[in-house]
Amino acid sequence: MSSFIDSVSFPWYDADIKKVKPKGEITLRQFINSVISPKESLKSTFNKIEEASLAGNKELKAELKKGLFAVTPCVQIQGIRNYESIKSFNNILIIEYDGIDFAEDLRDYIFEKFDSCIFAFLSPSKSGCKFIFRIKPVKTIIEFKEMFWGIAYELDKFRNLDYSGSNCCLPLFISWDKDAKVRENPTEWTQRGFKEGSFVAFEGEFEAPEDINEQDKQEVINKITYLFNRIENNGHPQVVKSSCLMSGYVGSNYISFDEAQDLLYELIESNDYLSKDTNNYKTTAKTMLLKCLGSPVLLPRHQND
C-alpha cells in the first residue's frame, strides 16, 4: 500500500521571503526526512537560531534563518508565489504555534489527538511547533480557508496559534527535530469552519424581489433548519455561517428580523449539541444576524432575474 506522504510534492525556495520564485520541487517525504535528519551544515544553523531565540535576539534569529530554505506545501505554484500562480492544491495545510512553553508536549498531544495530522515537529527556535494536516480535496482558495478555520476552531484553545496559515501560499521554513512525529496514511480532515467578520458586504444598489411569497419564506426556513439540525459538533463556526446566511435572507426581505431571530433561537434550543451552551450560541447567532444584514442573499429563483 502506497503512503500518502509519497504522493505529495511542492515547491521550495530560498529562505529570503522576498525571493518568490521556486528553486525546485521537493516531495513531502523528502521534507520530512530533512526535518528529522538534516545536513550537518543546517544543524549548525539551527543551533545558532535556538541560541538567538533564547537570548531574545530577534534580529540575529531573522538573519540566521536566511541560511535555511522554505516550502509552500499546500499548493503547486506555476510562476511566482502568489494566489494568481496557484496551479493546484495538495490537500494539506499548515498549523503553527510560536512563543510557547512545553512545545514538545504540544507537538505530541496534537499529533496523537488528530488522526489527520501527517507530521508534527518543533520550530527552528524550539519555542514553537508546526503541524501538517491532510484535508479533503479542495479546488479553491475559499474552500482551503474553510478547512483551515475548521481545524483552527479546534486548536485555538492553545495560545499563540498563528492564523496566517489561512494563506495557502505562505512559506514554511525547514526545521530540525529528530523526535518529530510522522503518520504514513492519515485520515482526511473534513470539518469546515468560518472566520467571524469575513463575509463580504454587498456593494452597490440592491432591490429586493417584488414577488416574494410564502413559499419563498418557507424555503428559507427549511434551508436554515436543515443547516442547524445537522450540527453534531464544531458548533460555533457553523452557527456563525448559518446565522450570517439567515441575515442575508432578512436583508432580501424573505423573512423579518424578529422571525429570523426567533427561529435561530428555537433551533439552538432544540439541537442536542447546541443546547448545552444556549446562551453563547444565541449571542453568536444574534451578533451575526445583525452584522450580515448588509450582505443580502437571493434564493435561486431570483438570482437570474
Protein backbone atom coordinates (compact mmCIF):
# COMPACT_ATOMS: atom_id res chain seq x y z
CA MET A 1 0.00 0.00 0.00
CA SER A 2 1.48 3.32 -1.05
CA SER A 3 1.88 6.07 1.53
CA PHE A 4 0.08 9.40 1.24
CA ILE A 5 3.29 11.28 2.00
CA ASP A 6 4.95 9.79 -1.07
CA SER A 7 2.23 11.15 -3.34
CA VAL A 8 2.67 14.83 -2.45
CA SER A 9 5.26 17.29 -3.77
CA PHE A 10 5.60 21.06 -3.67
CA PRO A 11 7.97 23.96 -4.49
CA TRP A 12 10.94 25.00 -2.37
CA TYR A 13 12.50 28.47 -2.12
CA ASP A 14 15.45 30.36 -0.73
CA ALA A 15 14.64 31.37 2.85
CA ASP A 16 14.61 35.07 1.91
CA ILE A 17 10.85 35.75 1.74
CA LYS A 18 11.47 38.41 -0.94
CA LYS A 19 12.55 35.65 -3.33
CA VAL A 20 9.21 34.36 -4.54
CA LYS A 21 10.21 32.17 -7.47
CA PRO A 22 10.62 28.44 -6.72
CA LYS A 23 14.10 26.93 -6.88
CA GLY A 24 12.80 23.43 -7.48
CA GLU A 25 10.47 20.68 -6.29
CA ILE A 26 10.58 18.56 -3.14
CA THR A 27 8.38 15.66 -2.01
CA LEU A 28 6.68 15.58 1.35
CA ARG A 29 8.80 12.55 2.20
CA GLN A 30 12.00 14.46 1.41
CA PHE A 31 10.85 17.40 3.51
CA ILE A 32 10.06 15.13 6.46
CA ASN A 33 13.45 13.43 6.20
CA SER A 34 15.18 16.82 6.03
CA VAL A 35 13.50 17.85 9.30
CA ILE A 36 14.30 14.63 11.15
CA SER A 37 17.86 14.30 9.84
CA PRO A 38 19.16 17.50 8.20
CA LYS A 39 22.63 18.03 6.76
CA GLU A 40 25.40 18.94 9.22
CA SER A 41 25.61 22.50 7.85
CA LEU A 42 21.95 23.02 8.62
CA LYS A 43 22.31 21.57 12.12
CA SER A 44 24.88 24.24 12.93
CA THR A 45 22.49 26.96 11.75
CA PHE A 46 19.62 25.53 13.79
CA ASN A 47 21.76 25.52 16.94
CA LYS A 48 22.59 29.19 16.42
CA ILE A 49 18.92 30.05 15.82
CA GLU A 50 17.93 28.35 19.08
CA GLU A 51 20.64 30.28 20.96
CA ALA A 52 19.48 33.58 19.43
CA SER A 53 15.89 32.79 20.39
CA LEU A 54 16.83 32.02 24.00
CA ALA A 55 18.77 35.30 24.13
CA GLY A 56 15.80 37.20 22.74
CA ASN A 57 17.85 38.41 19.75
CA LYS A 58 15.16 38.60 17.07
CA GLU A 59 17.38 40.38 14.53
CA LEU A 60 20.06 37.70 14.67
CA LYS A 61 17.42 34.99 14.55
CA ALA A 62 15.92 36.50 11.39
CA GLU A 63 19.35 36.82 9.77
CA LEU A 64 20.27 33.22 10.58
CA LYS A 65 17.00 31.92 9.09
CA LYS A 66 18.20 33.20 5.72
CA GLY A 67 20.56 30.23 5.72
CA LEU A 68 17.64 27.80 5.63
CA PHE A 69 15.09 27.07 2.92
CA ALA A 70 11.31 27.28 2.79
CA VAL A 71 8.48 25.42 1.03
CA THR A 72 4.84 26.04 0.11
CA PRO A 73 3.39 22.62 0.99
CA CYS A 74 -0.27 23.49 0.44
CA VAL A 75 -0.12 24.32 -3.26
CA GLN A 76 1.60 23.76 -6.57
CA ILE A 77 2.88 27.06 -7.97
CA GLN A 78 3.35 27.92 -11.63
CA GLY A 79 5.29 31.19 -11.71
CA ILE A 80 5.83 33.17 -8.51
CA ARG A 81 4.49 32.63 -5.00
CA ASN A 82 1.05 34.27 -5.03
CA TYR A 83 -2.63 33.36 -5.34
CA GLU A 84 -2.69 34.06 -9.08
CA SER A 85 0.02 31.44 -9.70
CA ILE A 86 -1.70 28.56 -7.92
CA LYS A 87 -1.80 25.59 -10.27
CA SER A 88 -3.44 23.11 -7.89
CA PHE A 89 -3.92 22.27 -4.20
CA ASN A 90 -2.07 19.48 -2.38
CA ASN A 91 -4.90 18.83 0.08
CA ILE A 92 -2.74 19.62 3.08
CA LEU A 93 -2.50 22.67 5.33
CA ILE A 94 -0.17 24.04 7.98
CA ILE A 95 -0.84 24.85 11.63
CA GLU A 96 1.83 26.73 13.58
CA TYR A 97 2.41 27.94 17.14
CA ASP A 98 5.25 30.17 18.30
CA GLY A 99 6.45 31.59 21.60
CA ILE A 100 5.01 28.79 23.74
CA ASP A 101 6.21 26.76 26.70
CA PHE A 102 6.38 22.96 26.52
CA ALA A 103 6.42 22.88 22.71
CA GLU A 104 7.36 19.19 22.71
CA ASP A 105 4.31 18.31 24.79
CA LEU A 106 2.00 20.24 22.47
CA ARG A 107 3.62 18.61 19.44
CA ASP A 108 2.95 15.13 20.80
CA TYR A 109 -0.54 15.89 22.13
CA ILE A 110 -1.93 17.31 18.88
CA PHE A 111 -0.34 14.57 16.78
CA GLU A 112 -1.89 11.84 18.93
CA LYS A 113 -5.29 13.52 19.17
CA PHE A 114 -5.80 14.17 15.45
CA ASP A 115 -5.56 11.24 13.02
CA SER A 116 -5.48 13.73 10.14
CA CYS A 117 -2.14 15.13 11.32
CA ILE A 118 0.59 13.90 8.98
CA PHE A 119 3.66 15.50 10.52
CA ALA A 120 4.34 17.27 13.83
CA PHE A 121 7.67 18.96 14.53
CA LEU A 122 9.34 21.73 16.51
CA SER A 123 10.21 25.13 15.04
CA PRO A 124 13.90 26.01 14.46
CA SER A 125 13.95 28.02 17.72
CA LYS A 126 12.38 25.11 19.69
CA SER A 127 9.93 27.67 21.12
CA GLY A 128 7.12 26.64 18.82
CA CYS A 129 5.75 23.70 16.88
CA LYS A 130 4.33 23.08 13.42
CA PHE A 131 1.84 20.59 12.02
CA ILE A 132 0.97 19.38 8.53
CA PHE A 133 -2.63 18.17 8.26
CA ARG A 134 -4.28 16.21 5.49
CA ILE A 135 -7.58 17.73 4.35
CA LYS A 136 -10.29 16.63 1.96
CA PRO A 137 -9.66 17.69 -1.67
CA VAL A 138 -10.21 21.39 -2.32
CA LYS A 139 -10.19 23.34 -5.57
CA THR A 140 -10.48 26.97 -4.47
CA ILE A 141 -8.88 29.38 -2.02
CA ILE A 142 -12.23 29.77 -0.26
CA GLU A 143 -12.53 26.02 0.26
CA PHE A 144 -8.97 25.91 1.60
CA LYS A 145 -9.72 28.69 4.08
CA GLU A 146 -12.83 26.86 5.26
CA MET A 147 -10.70 23.80 6.01
CA PHE A 148 -8.14 25.94 7.86
CA TRP A 149 -10.74 27.64 10.04
CA GLY A 150 -12.34 24.28 10.74
CA ILE A 151 -9.09 22.99 12.24
CA ALA A 152 -8.23 26.33 13.83
CA TYR A 153 -11.51 26.29 15.75
CA GLU A 154 -10.42 23.06 17.43
CA LEU A 155 -6.84 24.22 18.06
CA ASP A 156 -7.18 27.85 19.15
CA LYS A 157 -7.72 26.62 22.71
CA PHE A 158 -3.91 26.65 22.89
CA ARG A 159 -2.38 30.12 22.94
CA ASN A 160 -0.31 31.62 20.12
CA LEU A 161 -1.92 29.78 17.23
CA ASP A 162 -0.75 31.53 14.04
CA TYR A 163 -3.81 32.40 11.96
CA SER A 164 -1.71 33.38 8.95
CA GLY A 165 -1.84 29.71 7.99
CA SER A 166 -5.14 30.51 6.27
CA ASN A 167 -2.93 31.81 3.44
CA CYS A 168 -2.20 28.71 1.36
CA CYS A 169 0.83 30.40 -0.29
CA LEU A 170 2.57 31.18 2.99
CA PRO A 171 6.11 29.73 3.12
CA LEU A 172 7.01 27.11 5.72
CA PHE A 173 10.61 27.04 6.96
CA ILE A 174 12.61 23.87 7.26
CA SER A 175 13.41 22.86 10.84
CA TRP A 176 15.29 20.21 12.83
CA ASP A 177 13.50 17.82 15.14
CA LYS A 178 14.85 14.29 15.45
CA ASP A 179 11.78 13.36 17.54
CA ALA A 180 9.23 14.65 15.03
CA LYS A 181 6.09 12.55 14.65
CA VAL A 182 5.07 11.04 11.29
CA ARG A 183 1.83 9.34 10.18
CA GLU A 184 2.13 7.50 6.87
CA ASN A 185 -1.54 7.37 5.89
CA PRO A 186 -3.55 9.97 7.82
CA THR A 187 -7.29 10.37 7.60
CA GLU A 188 -8.77 13.40 5.82
CA TRP A 189 -9.94 16.38 7.86
CA THR A 190 -13.41 17.29 6.55
CA GLN A 191 -14.88 19.79 9.04
CA ARG A 192 -15.20 23.26 7.57
CA GLY A 193 -15.03 26.49 9.56
CA PHE A 194 -15.75 30.17 9.16
CA LYS A 195 -13.88 33.26 10.28
CA GLU A 196 -16.06 35.80 12.06
CA GLY A 197 -16.31 39.08 10.19
CA SER A 198 -15.02 37.60 6.94
CA PHE A 199 -18.26 37.97 4.96
CA VAL A 200 -18.19 40.36 2.01
CA ALA A 201 -20.74 43.15 2.30
CA PHE A 202 -22.84 43.88 -0.78
CA GLU A 203 -21.69 46.95 -2.68
CA GLY A 204 -23.95 48.97 -4.94
CA GLU A 205 -27.72 49.30 -5.21
CA PHE A 206 -29.88 46.35 -4.25
CA GLU A 207 -33.55 45.91 -4.99
CA ALA A 208 -35.38 43.22 -3.08
CA PRO A 209 -37.54 40.92 -5.23
CA GLU A 210 -41.10 42.19 -5.61
CA ASP A 211 -42.73 38.77 -5.98
CA ILE A 212 -41.73 37.24 -2.64
CA ASN A 213 -44.36 34.79 -1.39
CA GLU A 214 -44.95 32.35 1.44
CA GLN A 215 -43.22 29.56 -0.47
CA ASP A 216 -40.04 31.64 -0.57
CA LYS A 217 -40.24 32.26 3.16
CA GLN A 218 -40.77 28.56 3.81
CA GLU A 219 -37.79 27.70 1.61
CA VAL A 220 -35.61 29.98 3.74
CA ILE A 221 -36.93 28.39 6.94
CA ASN A 222 -36.33 24.89 5.57
CA LYS A 223 -32.75 25.69 4.50
CA ILE A 224 -31.75 27.21 7.82
CA THR A 225 -33.50 24.45 9.76
CA TYR A 226 -31.59 21.83 7.78
CA LEU A 227 -28.24 23.54 8.46
CA PHE A 228 -28.87 23.70 12.20
CA ASN A 229 -30.32 20.21 12.51
CA ARG A 230 -27.17 18.64 11.07
CA ILE A 231 -24.89 20.25 13.69
CA GLU A 232 -23.44 17.50 15.88
CA ASN A 233 -20.04 19.04 16.74
CA ASN A 234 -17.85 22.05 15.98
CA GLY A 235 -20.88 24.26 16.68
CA HIS A 236 -19.52 27.79 16.77
CA PRO A 237 -18.33 28.23 13.15
CA GLN A 238 -21.49 26.54 11.85
CA VAL A 239 -23.75 28.82 13.88
CA VAL A 240 -21.75 31.81 12.61
CA LYS A 241 -22.07 30.82 8.97
CA SER A 242 -25.73 29.74 9.08
CA SER A 243 -26.79 32.83 11.04
CA CYS A 244 -24.99 35.06 8.55
CA LEU A 245 -26.84 33.29 5.73
CA MET A 246 -30.13 33.87 7.53
CA SER A 247 -29.22 37.53 7.88
CA GLY A 248 -28.70 37.67 4.12
CA TYR A 249 -32.25 36.39 3.61
CA VAL A 250 -33.52 39.02 6.06
CA GLY A 251 -31.68 41.65 4.02
CA SER A 252 -33.54 40.46 0.93
CA ASN A 253 -36.93 40.69 2.71
CA TYR A 254 -37.74 36.97 2.58
CA ILE A 255 -38.28 36.93 6.34
CA SER A 256 -38.43 39.59 9.06
CA PHE A 257 -35.62 40.13 11.54
CA ASP A 258 -37.77 39.12 14.52
CA GLU A 259 -38.98 35.95 12.81
CA ALA A 260 -35.42 35.05 11.85
CA GLN A 261 -34.12 35.59 15.38
CA ASP A 262 -36.94 33.54 16.91
CA LEU A 263 -36.22 30.68 14.50
CA LEU A 264 -32.47 30.71 15.23
CA TYR A 265 -33.10 30.66 18.99
CA GLU A 266 -35.60 27.81 18.63
CA LEU A 267 -33.18 25.77 16.50
CA ILE A 268 -30.36 26.28 19.03
CA GLU A 269 -32.56 25.21 21.94
CA SER A 270 -33.81 22.09 20.13
CA ASN A 271 -30.37 20.93 18.93
CA ASP A 272 -28.84 18.31 21.25
CA TYR A 273 -25.30 19.64 20.77
CA LEU A 274 -26.03 23.40 20.82
CA SER A 275 -28.45 23.21 23.74
CA LYS A 276 -25.51 22.52 26.06
CA ASP A 277 -24.48 26.17 25.73
CA THR A 278 -27.57 28.01 24.51
CA ASN A 279 -26.66 31.46 25.83
CA ASN A 280 -23.34 31.66 23.99
CA TYR A 281 -24.74 30.23 20.76
CA LYS A 282 -27.71 32.62 20.89
CA THR A 283 -25.33 35.55 21.37
CA THR A 284 -23.31 34.40 18.37
CA ALA A 285 -26.45 33.96 16.26
CA LYS A 286 -27.80 37.43 17.08
CA THR A 287 -24.39 39.04 16.50
CA MET A 288 -24.14 37.58 13.01
CA LEU A 289 -27.82 38.28 12.29
CA LEU A 290 -27.11 41.98 12.90
CA LYS A 291 -23.68 42.00 11.32
CA CYS A 292 -24.54 40.45 7.95
CA LEU A 293 -27.63 42.46 7.07
CA GLY A 294 -25.53 44.39 4.56
CA SER A 295 -24.93 41.22 2.56
CA PRO A 296 -28.32 40.25 1.04
CA VAL A 297 -28.79 36.74 -0.33
CA LEU A 298 -31.23 35.73 -3.08
CA LEU A 299 -32.98 32.39 -3.48
CA PRO A 300 -32.13 30.51 -6.70
CA ARG A 301 -35.32 31.54 -8.50
CA HIS A 302 -34.44 35.24 -8.09
CA GLN A 303 -30.72 35.00 -8.87
CA ASN A 304 -31.15 35.19 -12.63
CA ASP A 305 -33.87 37.84 -12.69
